[in-house]
Amino acid sequence: MTLVNLVRGSVRRPWRSAAEASALLIAAVVAFPLYWMVLSAVKPAGEIESTRPRPWTGSPTLDSFRRVFGQQEFGRYFLNSLVVAGCVVVASALIAFLAATAVTRFRFRFRTTLLIMFLVAQMVPVEALAIPLFFLMRDLGQLNTLGALILPHIAFSLPFAIWMLRGFVKAVPEALEEAAHLDGASRARFLWQILFPLVLPGLVATSVFSFISAWNDFLFAKSFIISDTSQSTLPMALLVFYKPDEPDWGGVMAASTVMTIPVLVFFVVVQRRLVSGLGGSLKD
């Protein structure tokens, strides 16, 4: 029996080594743009504009970061992005949780039609709705405010979040809810003290996508923030360093690096729940 196991292990080992090598290669390809972004942020201006770029630098400098943090409105842009992304994550998570519970636990007319509409809403390109949303925000008096960025992102993140959370809510047996009612728990108590912790991994997974979408948004920020630059977000700060006649590529890369740090921190914080959430959704 031991000899058979050894033979099987020796046969599987080359395939496992090939899979690990392929994974490392894919990871290197994915990580290379990030490496080049950080490298360009610490390169001197002469090396960035050189006709013979090198994947290293012998004289790193923080001048690009000094120019970024030296911008008068950069801190405000950063705070605006945090406000927008935070509001989108919290609001979309709560609304999606309640909506997913409703379409899973309750039977009502047009329930299937509503779910199909959620799928159809995901198929519509964001660019096709930019102009209608502009007029809608104008009629609501939200232009040049952070609300013009928060409301559309909540609307666009809800269909995906509802569909994903629907599987998590459906995986919770109804017998658990019946047992809670027999013990005297109200529907609201079961919802927030029992069901909510059970679907929390799914909420984390959907929140990651909502956060990235709101954090990296440029289209809505450019379209809805017209004259009041104090309401701009971090993607708009890149335009300060990008000039058609003489772009500051070091400043662009340094600002992009600063923009990437909160996303990485968010991923590290929710990493375990994110993996379990995605695993649960795939299993469902």
Protein backbone atom coordinates (compact mmCIF):
# COMPACT_ATOMS: atom_id res chain seq x y z
CA MET A 1 0.00 0.00 0.00
CA THR A 2 2.86 2.35 0.82
CA LEU A 3 4.58 1.60 -2.50
CA VAL A 4 1.37 2.38 -4.38
CA ASN A 5 1.04 5.72 -2.58
CA LEU A 6 4.64 6.58 -3.43
CA VAL A 7 4.06 5.76 -7.09
CA ARG A 8 0.90 7.88 -7.15
CA GLY A 9 2.73 10.72 -5.45
CA SER A 10 5.58 10.62 -7.94
CA VAL A 11 3.07 10.70 -10.82
CA ARG A 12 1.10 13.60 -9.41
CA ARG A 13 4.16 15.62 -8.38
CA PRO A 14 5.12 16.81 -11.92
CA TRP A 15 1.56 17.98 -12.54
CA ARG A 16 1.51 19.76 -9.19
CA SER A 17 4.85 21.41 -9.90
CA ALA A 18 3.61 22.53 -13.31
CA ALA A 19 0.46 23.97 -11.74
CA GLU A 20 2.47 25.85 -9.11
CA ALA A 21 4.86 27.19 -11.76
CA SER A 22 1.92 28.34 -13.89
CA ALA A 23 0.36 30.05 -10.88
CA LEU A 24 3.61 31.86 -10.11
CA LEU A 25 3.94 32.95 -13.73
CA ILE A 26 0.40 34.30 -13.83
CA ALA A 27 0.96 36.09 -10.51
CA ALA A 28 4.14 37.68 -11.87
CA VAL A 29 2.35 38.86 -15.01
CA VAL A 30 -0.48 40.35 -12.94
CA ALA A 31 1.89 41.99 -10.44
CA PHE A 32 4.27 43.45 -13.03
CA PRO A 33 2.12 46.55 -13.80
CA LEU A 34 1.97 47.31 -10.07
CA TYR A 35 5.74 46.90 -9.81
CA TRP A 36 6.28 49.20 -12.79
CA MET A 37 3.91 51.79 -11.30
CA VAL A 38 5.80 51.88 -7.99
CA LEU A 39 9.15 51.82 -9.81
CA SER A 40 8.14 54.79 -11.98
CA ALA A 41 6.99 56.64 -8.88
CA VAL A 42 10.47 56.44 -7.31
CA LYS A 43 12.48 56.95 -10.51
CA PRO A 44 14.09 60.32 -11.28
CA ALA A 45 12.49 62.28 -14.10
CA GLY A 46 15.42 61.56 -16.42
CA GLU A 47 15.02 57.79 -16.12
CA ILE A 48 11.26 57.94 -16.63
CA GLU A 49 11.62 59.88 -19.87
CA SER A 50 14.55 57.79 -21.09
CA THR A 51 14.17 56.03 -24.44
CA ARG A 52 15.76 52.94 -22.89
CA PRO A 53 13.64 52.08 -19.85
CA ARG A 54 15.11 49.71 -17.28
CA PRO A 55 13.20 47.54 -14.80
CA TRP A 56 15.21 48.98 -11.91
CA THR A 57 16.69 52.24 -10.72
CA GLY A 58 20.01 52.99 -9.12
CA SER A 59 18.97 56.33 -7.62
CA PRO A 60 15.45 56.14 -6.15
CA THR A 61 13.85 59.40 -5.10
CA LEU A 62 10.65 60.54 -3.38
CA ASP A 63 10.33 63.78 -5.35
CA SER A 64 7.21 62.54 -7.13
CA PHE A 65 5.51 61.77 -3.82
CA ARG A 66 6.50 65.19 -2.50
CA ARG A 67 4.81 66.81 -5.50
CA VAL A 68 1.71 64.71 -4.91
CA PHE A 69 1.37 65.52 -1.22
CA GLY A 70 2.36 69.10 -1.96
CA GLN A 71 -0.85 69.62 -3.93
CA GLN A 72 -3.15 71.83 -1.91
CA GLU A 73 -6.35 69.83 -2.53
CA PHE A 74 -4.90 66.31 -2.50
CA GLY A 75 -5.90 65.63 1.11
CA ARG A 76 -9.43 66.79 0.42
CA TYR A 77 -9.65 64.58 -2.67
CA PHE A 78 -8.52 61.63 -0.56
CA LEU A 79 -11.14 62.34 2.11
CA ASN A 80 -13.87 62.71 -0.53
CA SER A 81 -12.97 59.33 -2.00
CA LEU A 82 -13.14 57.73 1.45
CA VAL A 83 -16.56 59.27 2.08
CA VAL A 84 -17.95 58.15 -1.27
CA ALA A 85 -16.54 54.61 -1.06
CA GLY A 86 -17.57 54.21 2.59
CA CYS A 87 -21.14 55.37 1.99
CA VAL A 88 -21.48 53.14 -1.07
CA VAL A 89 -20.16 50.07 0.78
CA VAL A 90 -22.38 50.50 3.85
CA ALA A 91 -25.56 51.52 2.01
CA SER A 92 -25.30 48.90 -0.72
CA ALA A 93 -24.51 46.14 1.79
CA LEU A 94 -27.51 46.91 3.99
CA ILE A 95 -29.94 47.38 1.11
CA ALA A 96 -28.70 44.27 -0.69
CA PHE A 97 -28.99 42.21 2.50
CA LEU A 98 -32.61 43.24 3.05
CA ALA A 99 -33.49 42.81 -0.63
CA ALA A 100 -31.83 39.39 -0.85
CA THR A 101 -33.71 38.26 2.25
CA ALA A 102 -36.99 39.50 0.78
CA VAL A 103 -36.63 37.77 -2.60
CA THR A 104 -35.47 34.55 -0.94
CA ARG A 105 -37.74 34.17 2.08
CA PHE A 106 -40.98 35.70 0.78
CA ARG A 107 -43.24 34.68 -2.09
CA PHE A 108 -44.86 37.56 -3.95
CA ARG A 109 -45.99 38.43 -7.46
CA PHE A 110 -43.37 39.35 -10.05
CA ARG A 111 -40.57 37.99 -7.86
CA THR A 112 -38.97 36.17 -10.80
CA THR A 113 -39.47 39.23 -13.00
CA LEU A 114 -37.67 41.34 -10.42
CA LEU A 115 -34.71 38.96 -10.34
CA ILE A 116 -34.51 39.02 -14.13
CA MET A 117 -34.54 42.82 -14.05
CA PHE A 118 -31.52 42.70 -11.73
CA LEU A 119 -29.67 40.64 -14.33
CA VAL A 120 -30.70 42.96 -17.16
CA ALA A 121 -29.50 45.96 -15.15
CA GLN A 122 -26.02 44.42 -14.96
CA MET A 123 -25.87 44.11 -18.75
CA VAL A 124 -26.33 47.82 -19.41
CA PRO A 125 -22.97 49.62 -19.90
CA VAL A 126 -22.28 52.39 -17.44
CA GLU A 127 -21.20 54.71 -20.27
CA ALA A 128 -24.63 54.42 -21.90
CA LEU A 129 -26.29 55.80 -18.76
CA ALA A 130 -23.88 58.66 -18.06
CA ILE A 131 -25.92 61.29 -19.95
CA PRO A 132 -29.35 60.26 -18.52
CA LEU A 133 -27.84 60.18 -15.04
CA PHE A 134 -26.38 63.64 -15.59
CA PHE A 135 -29.82 65.10 -16.27
CA LEU A 136 -31.27 63.14 -13.35
CA MET A 137 -28.64 64.49 -10.96
CA ARG A 138 -29.26 67.98 -12.33
CA ASP A 139 -33.00 67.71 -11.70
CA LEU A 140 -32.33 66.42 -8.17
CA GLY A 141 -29.93 69.30 -7.52
CA GLN A 142 -27.03 66.93 -6.80
CA LEU A 143 -24.50 68.18 -9.35
CA ASN A 144 -21.18 69.27 -7.80
CA THR A 145 -21.94 67.25 -4.66
CA LEU A 146 -20.72 63.91 -3.37
CA GLY A 147 -24.30 62.66 -3.56
CA ALA A 148 -24.01 62.66 -7.36
CA LEU A 149 -21.26 60.03 -6.97
CA ILE A 150 -22.77 58.03 -4.11
CA LEU A 151 -26.27 57.45 -5.50
CA PRO A 152 -25.29 56.04 -8.94
CA HIS A 153 -22.68 53.71 -7.44
CA ILE A 154 -25.19 52.34 -4.95
CA ALA A 155 -27.62 51.70 -7.79
CA PHE A 156 -25.02 49.95 -9.95
CA SER A 157 -23.65 47.79 -7.14
CA LEU A 158 -27.03 46.52 -5.91
CA PRO A 159 -27.91 44.01 -8.70
CA PHE A 160 -24.67 42.05 -8.29
CA ALA A 161 -24.82 42.24 -4.49
CA ILE A 162 -28.43 41.04 -4.35
CA TRP A 163 -27.78 38.10 -6.65
CA MET A 164 -24.71 37.06 -4.69
CA LEU A 165 -26.31 37.41 -1.25
CA ARG A 166 -29.39 35.55 -2.41
CA GLY A 167 -27.35 32.35 -2.46
CA PHE A 168 -26.06 32.93 1.08
CA VAL A 169 -29.53 33.64 2.46
CA LYS A 170 -30.94 30.61 0.65
CA ALA A 171 -28.24 28.41 2.21
CA VAL A 172 -29.52 29.21 5.72
CA PRO A 173 -32.18 26.55 6.50
CA GLU A 174 -35.67 27.76 7.24
CA ALA A 175 -35.75 25.36 10.20
CA LEU A 176 -33.27 27.69 11.93
CA GLU A 177 -35.70 30.58 11.58
CA GLU A 178 -38.58 28.45 12.87
CA ALA A 179 -36.50 27.38 15.88
CA ALA A 180 -35.68 31.03 16.61
CA HIS A 181 -39.36 31.94 16.50
CA LEU A 182 -40.20 29.09 18.87
CA ASP A 183 -37.61 30.47 21.28
CA GLY A 184 -39.38 33.84 21.21
CA ALA A 185 -37.16 35.71 18.75
CA SER A 186 -38.91 38.26 16.59
CA ARG A 187 -38.34 38.46 12.84
CA ALA A 188 -36.17 41.55 13.28
CA ARG A 189 -34.05 39.86 15.94
CA PHE A 190 -33.57 36.77 13.77
CA LEU A 191 -32.67 39.01 10.85
CA TRP A 192 -29.92 41.00 12.57
CA GLN A 193 -28.64 38.66 15.28
CA ILE A 194 -28.74 35.30 13.48
CA LEU A 195 -29.07 35.70 9.70
CA PHE A 196 -26.81 38.74 9.35
CA PRO A 197 -23.71 37.08 10.95
CA LEU A 198 -24.25 33.96 8.83
CA VAL A 199 -24.23 35.89 5.54
CA LEU A 200 -21.46 38.27 6.62
CA PRO A 201 -18.82 36.58 4.36
CA GLY A 202 -21.07 37.26 1.38
CA LEU A 203 -21.50 40.87 2.46
CA VAL A 204 -17.73 41.26 2.65
CA ALA A 205 -17.28 39.81 -0.83
CA THR A 206 -19.85 42.17 -2.35
CA SER A 207 -18.44 45.11 -0.40
CA VAL A 208 -15.02 44.60 -1.99
CA PHE A 209 -16.46 45.02 -5.47
CA SER A 210 -18.51 48.04 -4.38
CA PHE A 211 -15.47 49.64 -2.77
CA ILE A 212 -13.23 49.18 -5.82
CA SER A 213 -15.90 50.48 -8.20
CA ALA A 214 -16.52 53.63 -6.15
CA TRP A 215 -12.85 54.22 -5.29
CA ASN A 216 -11.58 54.03 -8.88
CA ASP A 217 -14.49 55.88 -10.50
CA PHE A 218 -13.47 58.51 -13.02
CA LEU A 219 -16.47 58.72 -15.37
CA PHE A 220 -19.02 59.95 -12.85
CA ALA A 221 -16.49 62.17 -11.07
CA LYS A 222 -15.63 63.84 -14.37
CA SER A 223 -19.27 64.12 -15.52
CA PHE A 224 -21.06 65.22 -12.34
CA ILE A 225 -18.42 67.37 -10.60
CA ILE A 226 -18.25 70.29 -13.02
CA SER A 227 -17.26 73.50 -11.29
CA ASP A 228 -16.79 72.79 -7.55
CA THR A 229 -13.38 71.13 -7.46
CA SER A 230 -13.58 70.81 -3.66
CA GLN A 231 -15.99 67.89 -4.24
CA SER A 232 -13.62 66.01 -6.55
CA THR A 233 -12.18 62.60 -5.73
CA LEU A 234 -8.75 61.03 -6.09
CA PRO A 235 -9.05 59.92 -9.75
CA MET A 236 -9.56 63.57 -10.65
CA ALA A 237 -6.29 64.42 -8.88
CA LEU A 238 -4.43 62.56 -11.61
CA LEU A 239 -5.46 65.24 -14.09
CA VAL A 240 -3.35 67.75 -12.16
CA PHE A 241 -0.21 65.88 -13.20
CA TYR A 242 -1.31 64.95 -16.69
CA LYS A 243 -0.80 67.83 -19.10
CA PRO A 244 -1.01 67.26 -22.87
CA ASP A 245 2.13 69.28 -23.60
CA GLU A 246 4.28 68.08 -20.66
CA PRO A 247 2.81 65.24 -18.57
CA ASP A 248 4.36 64.57 -15.18
CA TRP A 249 4.52 60.77 -15.36
CA GLY A 250 6.29 60.54 -12.03
CA GLY A 251 3.48 62.44 -10.35
CA VAL A 252 0.85 60.32 -12.11
CA MET A 253 2.51 57.09 -10.94
CA ALA A 254 3.04 58.40 -7.41
CA ALA A 255 -0.61 59.47 -7.15
CA SER A 256 -1.70 56.10 -8.55
CA THR A 257 0.44 54.34 -5.93
CA VAL A 258 -1.18 56.37 -3.16
CA MET A 259 -4.61 55.48 -4.58
CA THR A 260 -3.73 51.78 -4.57
CA ILE A 261 -2.67 51.64 -0.90
CA PRO A 262 -6.20 51.91 0.62
CA VAL A 263 -7.44 49.16 -1.71
CA LEU A 264 -4.59 46.86 -0.60
CA VAL A 265 -5.27 47.66 3.05
CA PHE A 266 -8.97 46.92 2.56
CA PHE A 267 -8.11 43.58 0.93
CA VAL A 268 -5.75 42.62 3.79
CA VAL A 269 -8.39 43.47 6.41
CA VAL A 270 -11.17 41.44 4.78
CA GLN A 271 -9.02 38.74 3.18
CA ARG A 272 -10.22 35.77 5.21
CA ARG A 273 -13.89 36.65 5.00
CA LEU A 274 -13.49 37.45 1.32
CA VAL A 275 -12.07 33.99 0.54
CA SER A 276 -14.78 32.23 2.55
CA GLY A 277 -17.42 34.43 0.92
CA LEU A 278 -16.29 33.68 -2.62
CA GLY A 279 -15.92 30.01 -1.75
CA GLY A 280 -19.45 29.95 -0.36
CA SER A 281 -20.87 31.62 -3.46
CA LEU A 282 -19.09 29.15 -5.77
CA LYS A 283 -20.31 26.24 -3.69
CA ASP A 284 -23.85 27.53 -3.84
